[in-house]
Amino acid sequence: MNAAHIGPIKYVLLIVEEALEPLIDKDLIACGAKGYTVSEARGRGHRGVRDAQWMLSGNVRIEVLCNEATAWRIVELLEEKYAKNYGLVSVVLDALGPRADQY
């Protein structure tokens, strides 16, 4: 990896109710994300156990690499639209990666 191409990238981690995935897809792209990764997420928290025993009752983990402006647009939009009525956790961390300009 060429250090000249390393730059500030944000890693956005979203844990959301599975039923929100199709809605959030459009929101991520509208906020400027160029792509994302989705995987199942199970666990226990202040809202109880999320084990997907019922259809669309589980959680998904959505991961996005993007620039800082896009990261904060994603978090603000999703918090505004969904946090009141759905389970949503969002985390933004610094990440390093090649070709930061592609994000």
PDB file of N, CA and C in Angstrom:
ATOM      1  N   MET A   1       0.843  -1.167   0.000  1.00  0.00           N
ATOM      2  CA  MET A   1       0.000   0.000   0.000  1.00  0.00           C
ATOM      3  C   MET A   1       0.889   1.230   0.000  1.00  0.00           C
ATOM      4  N   ASN A   2       0.642   2.152  -0.870  1.00  0.00           N
ATOM      5  CA  ASN A   2       1.399   3.387  -0.968  1.00  0.00           C
ATOM      6  C   ASN A   2       0.856   4.389   0.042  1.00  0.00           C
ATOM      7  N   ALA A   3       1.685   4.821   0.981  1.00  0.00           N
ATOM      8  CA  ALA A   3       1.244   5.726   2.042  1.00  0.00           C
ATOM      9  C   ALA A   3       0.708   7.044   1.494  1.00  0.00           C
ATOM     10  N   ALA A   4       1.109   7.430   0.288  1.00  0.00           N
ATOM     11  CA  ALA A   4       0.624   8.683  -0.292  1.00  0.00           C
ATOM     12  C   ALA A   4      -0.871   8.636  -0.582  1.00  0.00           C
ATOM     13  N   HIS A   5      -1.417   7.442  -0.713  1.00  0.00           N
ATOM     14  CA  HIS A   5      -2.839   7.300  -1.021  1.00  0.00           C
ATOM     15  C   HIS A   5      -3.702   7.049   0.213  1.00  0.00           C
ATOM     16  N   ILE A   6      -3.065   6.953   1.380  1.00  0.00           N
ATOM     17  CA  ILE A   6      -3.847   6.726   2.595  1.00  0.00           C
ATOM     18  C   ILE A   6      -4.431   8.052   3.037  1.00  0.00           C
ATOM     19  N   GLY A   7      -5.695   8.048   3.351  1.00  0.00           N
ATOM     20  CA  GLY A   7      -6.341   9.283   3.768  1.00  0.00           C
ATOM     21  C   GLY A   7      -7.469   9.012   4.728  1.00  0.00           C
ATOM     22  N   PRO A   8      -8.110  10.062   5.176  1.00  0.00           N
ATOM     23  CA  PRO A   8      -9.180   9.888   6.161  1.00  0.00           C
ATOM     24  C   PRO A   8     -10.432   9.270   5.539  1.00  0.00           C
ATOM     25  N   ILE A   9     -10.775   8.127   6.037  1.00  0.00           N
ATOM     26  CA  ILE A   9     -11.982   7.430   5.606  1.00  0.00           C
ATOM     27  C   ILE A   9     -12.781   7.159   6.877  1.00  0.00           C
ATOM     28  N   LYS A  10     -14.082   7.175   6.771  1.00  0.00           N
ATOM     29  CA  LYS A  10     -14.931   6.846   7.906  1.00  0.00           C
ATOM     30  C   LYS A  10     -15.545   5.467   7.697  1.00  0.00           C
ATOM     31  N   TYR A  11     -15.629   4.725   8.786  1.00  0.00           N
ATOM     32  CA  TYR A  11     -16.288   3.431   8.823  1.00  0.00           C
ATOM     33  C   TYR A  11     -17.590   3.663   9.579  1.00  0.00           C
ATOM     34  N   VAL A  12     -18.708   3.469   8.900  1.00  0.00           N
ATOM     35  CA  VAL A  12     -20.011   3.634   9.522  1.00  0.00           C
ATOM     36  C   VAL A  12     -20.588   2.243   9.765  1.00  0.00           C
ATOM     37  N   LEU A  13     -20.926   1.957  11.010  1.00  0.00           N
ATOM     38  CA  LEU A  13     -21.545   0.693  11.390  1.00  0.00           C
ATOM     39  C   LEU A  13     -22.961   0.988  11.841  1.00  0.00           C
ATOM     40  N   LEU A  14     -23.910   0.333  11.213  1.00  0.00           N
ATOM     41  CA  LEU A  14     -25.321   0.483  11.564  1.00  0.00           C
ATOM     42  C   LEU A  14     -25.861  -0.882  11.961  1.00  0.00           C
ATOM     43  N   ILE A  15     -26.517  -0.966  13.089  1.00  0.00           N
ATOM     44  CA  ILE A  15     -27.253  -2.163  13.472  1.00  0.00           C
ATOM     45  C   ILE A  15     -28.718  -1.744  13.476  1.00  0.00           C
ATOM     46  N   VAL A  16     -29.508  -2.355  12.598  1.00  0.00           N
ATOM     47  CA  VAL A  16     -30.901  -1.939  12.431  1.00  0.00           C
ATOM     48  C   VAL A  16     -31.814  -3.155  12.347  1.00  0.00           C
ATOM     49  N   GLU A  17     -33.086  -2.908  12.546  1.00  0.00           N
ATOM     50  CA  GLU A  17     -34.069  -3.976  12.379  1.00  0.00           C
ATOM     51  C   GLU A  17     -34.072  -4.416  10.919  1.00  0.00           C
ATOM     52  N   GLU A  18     -34.160  -5.701  10.716  1.00  0.00           N
ATOM     53  CA  GLU A  18     -34.107  -6.288   9.377  1.00  0.00           C
ATOM     54  C   GLU A  18     -35.143  -5.675   8.428  1.00  0.00           C
ATOM     55  N   ALA A  19     -36.306  -5.340   8.939  1.00  0.00           N
ATOM     56  CA  ALA A  19     -37.369  -4.772   8.105  1.00  0.00           C
ATOM     57  C   ALA A  19     -36.976  -3.437   7.486  1.00  0.00           C
ATOM     58  N   LEU A  20     -35.984  -2.754   8.055  1.00  0.00           N
ATOM     59  CA  LEU A  20     -35.559  -1.455   7.531  1.00  0.00           C
ATOM     60  C   LEU A  20     -34.577  -1.549   6.367  1.00  0.00           C
ATOM     61  N   GLU A  21     -33.988  -2.703   6.169  1.00  0.00           N
ATOM     62  CA  GLU A  21     -32.931  -2.820   5.154  1.00  0.00           C
ATOM     63  C   GLU A  21     -33.322  -2.260   3.787  1.00  0.00           C
ATOM     64  N   PRO A  22     -34.489  -2.589   3.219  1.00  0.00           N
ATOM     65  CA  PRO A  22     -34.812  -2.052   1.890  1.00  0.00           C
ATOM     66  C   PRO A  22     -34.974  -0.532   1.875  1.00  0.00           C
ATOM     67  N   LEU A  23     -35.419   0.038   2.983  1.00  0.00           N
ATOM     68  CA  LEU A  23     -35.577   1.490   3.055  1.00  0.00           C
ATOM     69  C   LEU A  23     -34.229   2.184   3.190  1.00  0.00           C
ATOM     70  N   ILE A  24     -33.375   1.615   4.010  1.00  0.00           N
ATOM     71  CA  ILE A  24     -32.070   2.217   4.264  1.00  0.00           C
ATOM     72  C   ILE A  24     -31.184   2.160   3.023  1.00  0.00           C
ATOM     73  N   ASP A  25     -31.362   1.147   2.212  1.00  0.00           N
ATOM     74  CA  ASP A  25     -30.605   1.047   0.954  1.00  0.00           C
ATOM     75  C   ASP A  25     -30.701   2.350   0.167  1.00  0.00           C
ATOM     76  N   LYS A  26     -31.888   2.819  -0.044  1.00  0.00           N
ATOM     77  CA  LYS A  26     -32.098   4.051  -0.813  1.00  0.00           C
ATOM     78  C   LYS A  26     -31.510   5.260  -0.095  1.00  0.00           C
ATOM     79  N   ASP A  27     -31.638   5.293   1.226  1.00  0.00           N
ATOM     80  CA  ASP A  27     -31.100   6.405   2.007  1.00  0.00           C
ATOM     81  C   ASP A  27     -29.579   6.476   1.924  1.00  0.00           C
ATOM     82  N   LEU A  28     -28.909   5.323   2.003  1.00  0.00           N
ATOM     83  CA  LEU A  28     -27.446   5.317   1.938  1.00  0.00           C
ATOM     84  C   LEU A  28     -26.950   5.895   0.622  1.00  0.00           C
ATOM     85  N   ILE A  29     -27.563   5.464  -0.464  1.00  0.00           N
ATOM     86  CA  ILE A  29     -27.148   5.954  -1.786  1.00  0.00           C
ATOM     87  C   ILE A  29     -27.459   7.443  -1.921  1.00  0.00           C
ATOM     88  N   ALA A  30     -28.616   7.865  -1.429  1.00  0.00           N
ATOM     89  CA  ALA A  30     -28.990   9.277  -1.488  1.00  0.00           C
ATOM     90  C   ALA A  30     -28.024  10.147  -0.678  1.00  0.00           C
ATOM     91  N   CYS A  31     -27.453   9.596   0.379  1.00  0.00           N
ATOM     92  CA  CYS A  31     -26.495  10.343   1.209  1.00  0.00           C
ATOM     93  C   CYS A  31     -25.108  10.398   0.590  1.00  0.00           C
ATOM     94  N   GLY A  32     -24.871   9.603  -0.452  1.00  0.00           N
ATOM     95  CA  GLY A  32     -23.574   9.641  -1.121  1.00  0.00           C
ATOM     96  C   GLY A  32     -22.726   8.396  -0.979  1.00  0.00           C
ATOM     97  N   ALA A  33     -23.215   7.378  -0.290  1.00  0.00           N
ATOM     98  CA  ALA A  33     -22.446   6.133  -0.172  1.00  0.00           C
ATOM     99  C   ALA A  33     -22.357   5.468  -1.540  1.00  0.00           C
ATOM    100  N   LYS A  34     -21.195   4.940  -1.853  1.00  0.00           N
ATOM    101  CA  LYS A  34     -21.000   4.257  -3.137  1.00  0.00           C
ATOM    102  C   LYS A  34     -21.259   2.760  -3.031  1.00  0.00           C
ATOM    103  N   GLY A  35     -21.332   2.263  -1.810  1.00  0.00           N
ATOM    104  CA  GLY A  35     -21.589   0.849  -1.587  1.00  0.00           C
ATOM    105  C   GLY A  35     -21.647   0.565  -0.105  1.00  0.00           C
ATOM    106  N   TYR A  36     -22.007  -0.660   0.231  1.00  0.00           N
ATOM    107  CA  TYR A  36     -22.117  -1.060   1.628  1.00  0.00           C
ATOM    108  C   TYR A  36     -22.154  -2.574   1.706  1.00  0.00           C
ATOM    109  N   THR A  37     -22.009  -3.106   2.911  1.00  0.00           N
ATOM    110  CA  THR A  37     -22.072  -4.537   3.158  1.00  0.00           C
ATOM    111  C   THR A  37     -23.132  -4.797   4.222  1.00  0.00           C
ATOM    112  N   VAL A  38     -23.935  -5.835   4.013  1.00  0.00           N
ATOM    113  CA  VAL A  38     -24.989  -6.195   4.958  1.00  0.00           C
ATOM    114  C   VAL A  38     -24.762  -7.630   5.420  1.00  0.00           C
ATOM    115  N   SER A  39     -24.931  -7.875   6.724  1.00  0.00           N
ATOM    116  CA  SER A  39     -24.878  -9.227   7.271  1.00  0.00           C
ATOM    117  C   SER A  39     -25.865  -9.332   8.422  1.00  0.00           C
ATOM    118  N   GLU A  40     -26.241 -10.574   8.754  1.00  0.00           N
ATOM    119  CA  GLU A  40     -27.154 -10.806   9.872  1.00  0.00           C
ATOM    120  C   GLU A  40     -26.484 -10.424  11.177  1.00  0.00           C
ATOM    121  N   ALA A  41     -27.295  -9.973  12.119  1.00  0.00           N
ATOM    122  CA  ALA A  41     -26.779  -9.659  13.452  1.00  0.00           C
ATOM    123  C   ALA A  41     -27.756 -10.184  14.490  1.00  0.00           C
ATOM    124  N   ARG A  42     -27.239 -10.902  15.451  1.00  0.00           N
ATOM    125  CA  ARG A  42     -28.047 -11.417  16.546  1.00  0.00           C
ATOM    126  C   ARG A  42     -27.410 -10.982  17.854  1.00  0.00           C
ATOM    127  N   GLY A  43     -28.220 -10.905  18.895  1.00  0.00           N
ATOM    128  CA  GLY A  43     -27.652 -10.572  20.192  1.00  0.00           C
ATOM    129  C   GLY A  43     -28.690 -10.150  21.200  1.00  0.00           C
ATOM    130  N   ARG A  44     -28.214  -9.562  22.267  1.00  0.00           N
ATOM    131  CA  ARG A  44     -29.066  -9.115  23.363  1.00  0.00           C
ATOM    132  C   ARG A  44     -28.686  -7.688  23.697  1.00  0.00           C
ATOM    133  N   GLY A  45     -29.688  -6.878  24.015  1.00  0.00           N
ATOM    134  CA  GLY A  45     -29.454  -5.490  24.395  1.00  0.00           C
ATOM    135  C   GLY A  45     -30.581  -4.986  25.253  1.00  0.00           C
ATOM    136  N   HIS A  46     -30.682  -3.678  25.404  1.00  0.00           N
ATOM    137  CA  HIS A  46     -31.708  -3.114  26.274  1.00  0.00           C
ATOM    138  C   HIS A  46     -33.125  -3.359  25.752  1.00  0.00           C
ATOM    139  N   ARG A  47     -33.260  -3.730  24.490  1.00  0.00           N
ATOM    140  CA  ARG A  47     -34.574  -4.059  23.935  1.00  0.00           C
ATOM    141  C   ARG A  47     -34.849  -5.561  23.966  1.00  0.00           C
ATOM    142  N   GLY A  48     -33.973  -6.328  24.594  1.00  0.00           N
ATOM    143  CA  GLY A  48     -34.178  -7.765  24.709  1.00  0.00           C
ATOM    144  C   GLY A  48     -33.331  -8.539  23.724  1.00  0.00           C
ATOM    145  N   VAL A  49     -33.726  -9.780  23.456  1.00  0.00           N
ATOM    146  CA  VAL A  49     -33.002 -10.662  22.548  1.00  0.00           C
ATOM    147  C   VAL A  49     -33.529 -10.462  21.138  1.00  0.00           C
ATOM    148  N   ARG A  50     -32.621 -10.351  20.184  1.00  0.00           N
ATOM    149  CA  ARG A  50     -32.973 -10.272  18.762  1.00  0.00           C
ATOM    150  C   ARG A  50     -32.398 -11.511  18.113  1.00  0.00           C
ATOM    151  N   ASP A  51     -33.258 -12.513  17.870  1.00  0.00           N
ATOM    152  CA  ASP A  51     -32.745 -13.783  17.371  1.00  0.00           C
ATOM    153  C   ASP A  51     -33.359 -14.223  16.048  1.00  0.00           C
ATOM    154  N   ALA A  52     -34.209 -13.381  15.438  1.00  0.00           N
ATOM    155  CA  ALA A  52     -34.805 -13.653  14.119  1.00  0.00           C
ATOM    156  C   ALA A  52     -35.632 -14.926  14.091  1.00  0.00           C
ATOM    157  N   GLN A  53     -36.279 -15.271  15.188  1.00  0.00           N
ATOM    158  CA  GLN A  53     -37.140 -16.451  15.200  1.00  0.00           C
ATOM    159  C   GLN A  53     -38.397 -16.219  14.370  1.00  0.00           C
ATOM    160  N   TRP A  54     -38.809 -14.966  14.236  1.00  0.00           N
ATOM    161  CA  TRP A  54     -39.958 -14.604  13.400  1.00  0.00           C
ATOM    162  C   TRP A  54     -39.429 -13.875  12.189  1.00  0.00           C
ATOM    163  N   MET A  55     -40.087 -14.024  11.058  1.00  0.00           N
ATOM    164  CA  MET A  55     -39.649 -13.369   9.832  1.00  0.00           C
ATOM    165  C   MET A  55     -39.513 -11.858  10.046  1.00  0.00           C
ATOM    166  N   LEU A  56     -38.414 -11.302   9.594  1.00  0.00           N
ATOM    167  CA  LEU A  56     -38.084  -9.881   9.698  1.00  0.00           C
ATOM    168  C   LEU A  56     -38.019  -9.379  11.138  1.00  0.00           C
ATOM    169  N   SER A  57     -37.767 -10.283  12.089  1.00  0.00           N
ATOM    170  CA  SER A  57     -37.660  -9.850  13.482  1.00  0.00           C
ATOM    171  C   SER A  57     -36.209  -9.743  13.933  1.00  0.00           C
ATOM    172  N   GLY A  58     -35.290 -10.023  13.044  1.00  0.00           N
ATOM    173  CA  GLY A  58     -33.879  -9.965  13.397  1.00  0.00           C
ATOM    174  C   GLY A  58     -33.289  -8.601  13.116  1.00  0.00           C
ATOM    175  N   ASN A  59     -32.007  -8.510  13.308  1.00  0.00           N
ATOM    176  CA  ASN A  59     -31.256  -7.298  13.011  1.00  0.00           C
ATOM    177  C   ASN A  59     -30.292  -7.577  11.872  1.00  0.00           C
ATOM    178  N   VAL A  60     -29.900  -6.518  11.202  1.00  0.00           N
ATOM    179  CA  VAL A  60     -28.834  -6.610  10.227  1.00  0.00           C
ATOM    180  C   VAL A  60     -27.756  -5.598  10.604  1.00  0.00           C
ATOM    181  N   ARG A  61     -26.563  -5.924  10.194  1.00  0.00           N
ATOM    182  CA  ARG A  61     -25.397  -5.071  10.400  1.00  0.00           C
ATOM    183  C   ARG A  61     -25.039  -4.510   9.025  1.00  0.00           C
ATOM    184  N   ILE A  62     -25.032  -3.199   8.906  1.00  0.00           N
ATOM    185  CA  ILE A  62     -24.709  -2.537   7.643  1.00  0.00           C
ATOM    186  C   ILE A  62     -23.412  -1.764   7.855  1.00  0.00           C
ATOM    187  N   GLU A  63     -22.443  -2.015   6.987  1.00  0.00           N
ATOM    188  CA  GLU A  63     -21.135  -1.366   7.092  1.00  0.00           C
ATOM    189  C   GLU A  63     -20.873  -0.546   5.837  1.00  0.00           C
ATOM    190  N   VAL A  64     -20.416   0.688   6.043  1.00  0.00           N
ATOM    191  CA  VAL A  64     -20.167   1.603   4.932  1.00  0.00           C
ATOM    192  C   VAL A  64     -18.792   2.229   5.130  1.00  0.00           C
ATOM    193  N   LEU A  65     -17.995   2.270   4.076  1.00  0.00           N
ATOM    194  CA  LEU A  65     -16.767   3.064   4.050  1.00  0.00           C
ATOM    195  C   LEU A  65     -17.059   4.284   3.193  1.00  0.00           C
ATOM    196  N   CYS A  66     -16.789   5.459   3.727  1.00  0.00           N
ATOM    197  CA  CYS A  66     -17.123   6.680   2.992  1.00  0.00           C
ATOM    198  C   CYS A  66     -16.302   7.846   3.528  1.00  0.00           C
ATOM    199  N   ASN A  67     -16.483   9.004   2.906  1.00  0.00           N
ATOM    200  CA  ASN A  67     -15.813  10.196   3.414  1.00  0.00           C
ATOM    201  C   ASN A  67     -16.587  10.729   4.621  1.00  0.00           C
ATOM    202  N   GLU A  68     -16.011  11.690   5.310  1.00  0.00           N
ATOM    203  CA  GLU A  68     -16.606  12.176   6.558  1.00  0.00           C
ATOM    204  C   GLU A  68     -17.969  12.832   6.349  1.00  0.00           C
ATOM    205  N   ALA A  69     -18.111  13.640   5.327  1.00  0.00           N
ATOM    206  CA  ALA A  69     -19.389  14.318   5.083  1.00  0.00           C
ATOM    207  C   ALA A  69     -20.509  13.314   4.845  1.00  0.00           C
ATOM    208  N   THR A  70     -20.223  12.280   4.071  1.00  0.00           N
ATOM    209  CA  THR A  70     -21.224  11.239   3.798  1.00  0.00           C
ATOM    210  C   THR A  70     -21.576  10.492   5.078  1.00  0.00           C
ATOM    211  N   ALA A  71     -20.584  10.187   5.899  1.00  0.00           N
ATOM    212  CA  ALA A  71     -20.828   9.471   7.153  1.00  0.00           C
ATOM    213  C   ALA A  71     -21.822  10.224   8.026  1.00  0.00           C
ATOM    214  N   TRP A  72     -21.600  11.509   8.200  1.00  0.00           N
ATOM    215  CA  TRP A  72     -22.488  12.279   9.071  1.00  0.00           C
ATOM    216  C   TRP A  72     -23.858  12.497   8.440  1.00  0.00           C
ATOM    217  N   ARG A  73     -23.938  12.590   7.111  1.00  0.00           N
ATOM    218  CA  ARG A  73     -25.257  12.668   6.451  1.00  0.00           C
ATOM    219  C   ARG A  73     -26.049  11.388   6.721  1.00  0.00           C
ATOM    220  N   ILE A  74     -25.382  10.243   6.615  1.00  0.00           N
ATOM    221  CA  ILE A  74     -26.039   8.948   6.859  1.00  0.00           C
ATOM    222  C   ILE A  74     -26.584   8.888   8.280  1.00  0.00           C
ATOM    223  N   VAL A  75     -25.741   9.176   9.250  1.00  0.00           N
ATOM    224  CA  VAL A  75     -26.151   9.084  10.655  1.00  0.00           C
ATOM    225  C   VAL A  75     -27.302  10.046  10.950  1.00  0.00           C
ATOM    226  N   GLU A  76     -27.187  11.277  10.518  1.00  0.00           N
ATOM    227  CA  GLU A  76     -28.231  12.262  10.803  1.00  0.00           C
ATOM    228  C   GLU A  76     -29.554  11.892  10.148  1.00  0.00           C
ATOM    229  N   LEU A  77     -29.518  11.462   8.890  1.00  0.00           N
ATOM    230  CA  LEU A  77     -30.751  11.109   8.193  1.00  0.00           C
ATOM    231  C   LEU A  77     -31.430   9.898   8.835  1.00  0.00           C
ATOM    232  N   LEU A  78     -30.660   8.854   9.114  1.00  0.00           N
ATOM    233  CA  LEU A  78     -31.250   7.650   9.688  1.00  0.00           C
ATOM    234  C   LEU A  78     -31.784   7.889  11.102  1.00  0.00           C
ATOM    235  N   GLU A  79     -31.052   8.650  11.897  1.00  0.00           N
ATOM    236  CA  GLU A  79     -31.536   8.981  13.243  1.00  0.00           C
ATOM    237  C   GLU A  79     -32.851   9.758  13.139  1.00  0.00           C
ATOM    238  N   GLU A  80     -32.906  10.710  12.231  1.00  0.00           N
ATOM    239  CA  GLU A  80     -34.109  11.530  12.063  1.00  0.00           C
ATOM    240  C   GLU A  80     -35.309  10.714  11.579  1.00  0.00           C
ATOM    241  N   LYS A  81     -35.088   9.824  10.623  1.00  0.00           N
ATOM    242  CA  LYS A  81     -36.187   9.079  10.013  1.00  0.00           C
ATOM    243  C   LYS A  81     -36.644   7.859  10.807  1.00  0.00           C
ATOM    244  N   TYR A  82     -35.710   7.168  11.480  1.00  0.00           N
ATOM    245  CA  TYR A  82     -36.035   5.848  12.011  1.00  0.00           C
ATOM    246  C   TYR A  82     -35.847   5.641  13.506  1.00  0.00           C
ATOM    247  N   ALA A  83     -34.990   6.407  14.158  1.00  0.00           N
ATOM    248  CA  ALA A  83     -34.617   6.102  15.544  1.00  0.00           C
ATOM    249  C   ALA A  83     -35.787   6.133  16.516  1.00  0.00           C
ATOM    250  N   LYS A  84     -36.775   6.949  16.257  1.00  0.00           N
ATOM    251  CA  LYS A  84     -37.905   7.065  17.176  1.00  0.00           C
ATOM    252  C   LYS A  84     -38.762   5.792  17.201  1.00  0.00           C
ATOM    253  N   ASN A  85     -38.894   5.127  16.058  1.00  0.00           N
ATOM    254  CA  ASN A  85     -39.816   3.997  15.950  1.00  0.00           C
ATOM    255  C   ASN A  85     -39.162   2.639  15.731  1.00  0.00           C
ATOM    256  N   TYR A  86     -37.867   2.609  15.515  1.00  0.00           N
ATOM    257  CA  TYR A  86     -37.179   1.353  15.218  1.00  0.00           C
ATOM    258  C   TYR A  86     -35.900   1.259  16.031  1.00  0.00           C
ATOM    259  N   GLY A  87     -35.434   0.028  16.223  1.00  0.00           N
ATOM    260  CA  GLY A  87     -34.139  -0.171  16.844  1.00  0.00           C
ATOM    261  C   GLY A  87     -33.046   0.227  15.863  1.00  0.00           C
ATOM    262  N   LEU A  88     -32.160   1.115  16.283  1.00  0.00           N
ATOM    263  CA  LEU A  88     -31.098   1.618  15.411  1.00  0.00           C
ATOM    264  C   LEU A  88     -29.898   2.005  16.262  1.00  0.00           C
ATOM    265  N   VAL A  89     -28.755   1.458  15.928  1.00  0.00           N
ATOM    266  CA  VAL A  89     -27.500   1.850  16.556  1.00  0.00           C
ATOM    267  C   VAL A  89     -26.578   2.284  15.432  1.00  0.00           C
ATOM    268  N   SER A  90     -25.939   3.434  15.600  1.00  0.00           N
ATOM    269  CA  SER A  90     -24.993   3.894  14.581  1.00  0.00           C
ATOM    270  C   SER A  90     -23.677   4.263  15.254  1.00  0.00           C
ATOM    271  N   VAL A  91     -22.586   3.879  14.598  1.00  0.00           N
ATOM    272  CA  VAL A  91     -21.239   4.132  15.086  1.00  0.00           C
ATOM    273  C   VAL A  91     -20.422   4.644  13.912  1.00  0.00           C
ATOM    274  N   VAL A  92     -19.641   5.695  14.146  1.00  0.00           N
ATOM    275  CA  VAL A  92     -18.738   6.209  13.119  1.00  0.00           C
ATOM    276  C   VAL A  92     -17.328   6.183  13.690  1.00  0.00           C
ATOM    277  N   LEU A  93     -16.425   5.514  12.962  1.00  0.00           N
ATOM    278  CA  LEU A  93     -15.033   5.384  13.381  1.00  0.00           C
ATOM    279  C   LEU A  93     -14.111   5.832  12.257  1.00  0.00           C
ATOM    280  N   ASP A  94     -12.908   6.246  12.618  1.00  0.00           N
ATOM    281  CA  ASP A  94     -11.890   6.533  11.615  1.00  0.00           C
ATOM    282  C   ASP A  94     -11.353   5.233  11.057  1.00  0.00           C
ATOM    283  N   ALA A  95     -11.067   5.226   9.776  1.00  0.00           N
ATOM    284  CA  ALA A  95     -10.476   4.056   9.129  1.00  0.00           C
ATOM    285  C   ALA A  95      -9.393   4.541   8.179  1.00  0.00           C
ATOM    286  N   LEU A  96      -8.441   3.689   7.896  1.00  0.00           N
ATOM    287  CA  LEU A  96      -7.416   3.989   6.914  1.00  0.00           C
ATOM    288  C   LEU A  96      -7.546   3.002   5.776  1.00  0.00           C
ATOM    289  N   GLY A  97      -7.371   3.489   4.596  1.00  0.00           N
ATOM    290  CA  GLY A  97      -7.456   2.591   3.455  1.00  0.00           C
ATOM    291  C   GLY A  97      -6.836   3.241   2.233  1.00  0.00           C
ATOM    292  N   PRO A  98      -6.561   2.453   1.231  1.00  0.00           N
ATOM    293  CA  PRO A  98      -5.976   2.993   0.019  1.00  0.00           C
ATOM    294  C   PRO A  98      -7.006   3.811  -0.761  1.00  0.00           C
ATOM    295  N   ARG A  99      -6.513   4.785  -1.483  1.00  0.00           N
ATOM    296  CA  ARG A  99      -7.347   5.563  -2.390  1.00  0.00           C
ATOM    297  C   ARG A  99      -8.568   6.151  -1.695  1.00  0.00           C
ATOM    298  N   ALA A 100      -8.322   6.934  -0.690  1.00  0.00           N
ATOM    299  CA  ALA A 100      -9.418   7.546   0.085  1.00  0.00           C
ATOM    300  C   ALA A 100     -10.359   8.329  -0.810  1.00  0.00           C
ATOM    301  N   ASP A 101      -9.873   8.827  -1.925  1.00  0.00           N
ATOM    302  CA  ASP A 101     -10.724   9.623  -2.828  1.00  0.00           C
ATOM    303  C   ASP A 101     -11.845   8.800  -3.455  1.00  0.00           C
ATOM    304  N   GLN A 102     -11.743   7.473  -3.459  1.00  0.00           N
ATOM    305  CA  GLN A 102     -12.801   6.648  -4.049  1.00  0.00           C
ATOM    306  C   GLN A 102     -14.013   6.545  -3.153  1.00  0.00           C
ATOM    307  N   TYR A 103     -13.905   6.965  -1.895  1.00  0.00           N
ATOM    308  CA  TYR A 103     -15.015   6.907  -0.967  1.00  0.00           C
ATOM    309  C   TYR A 103     -15.652   8.261  -0.861  1.00  0.00           C
TER     310      TYR A 103
END
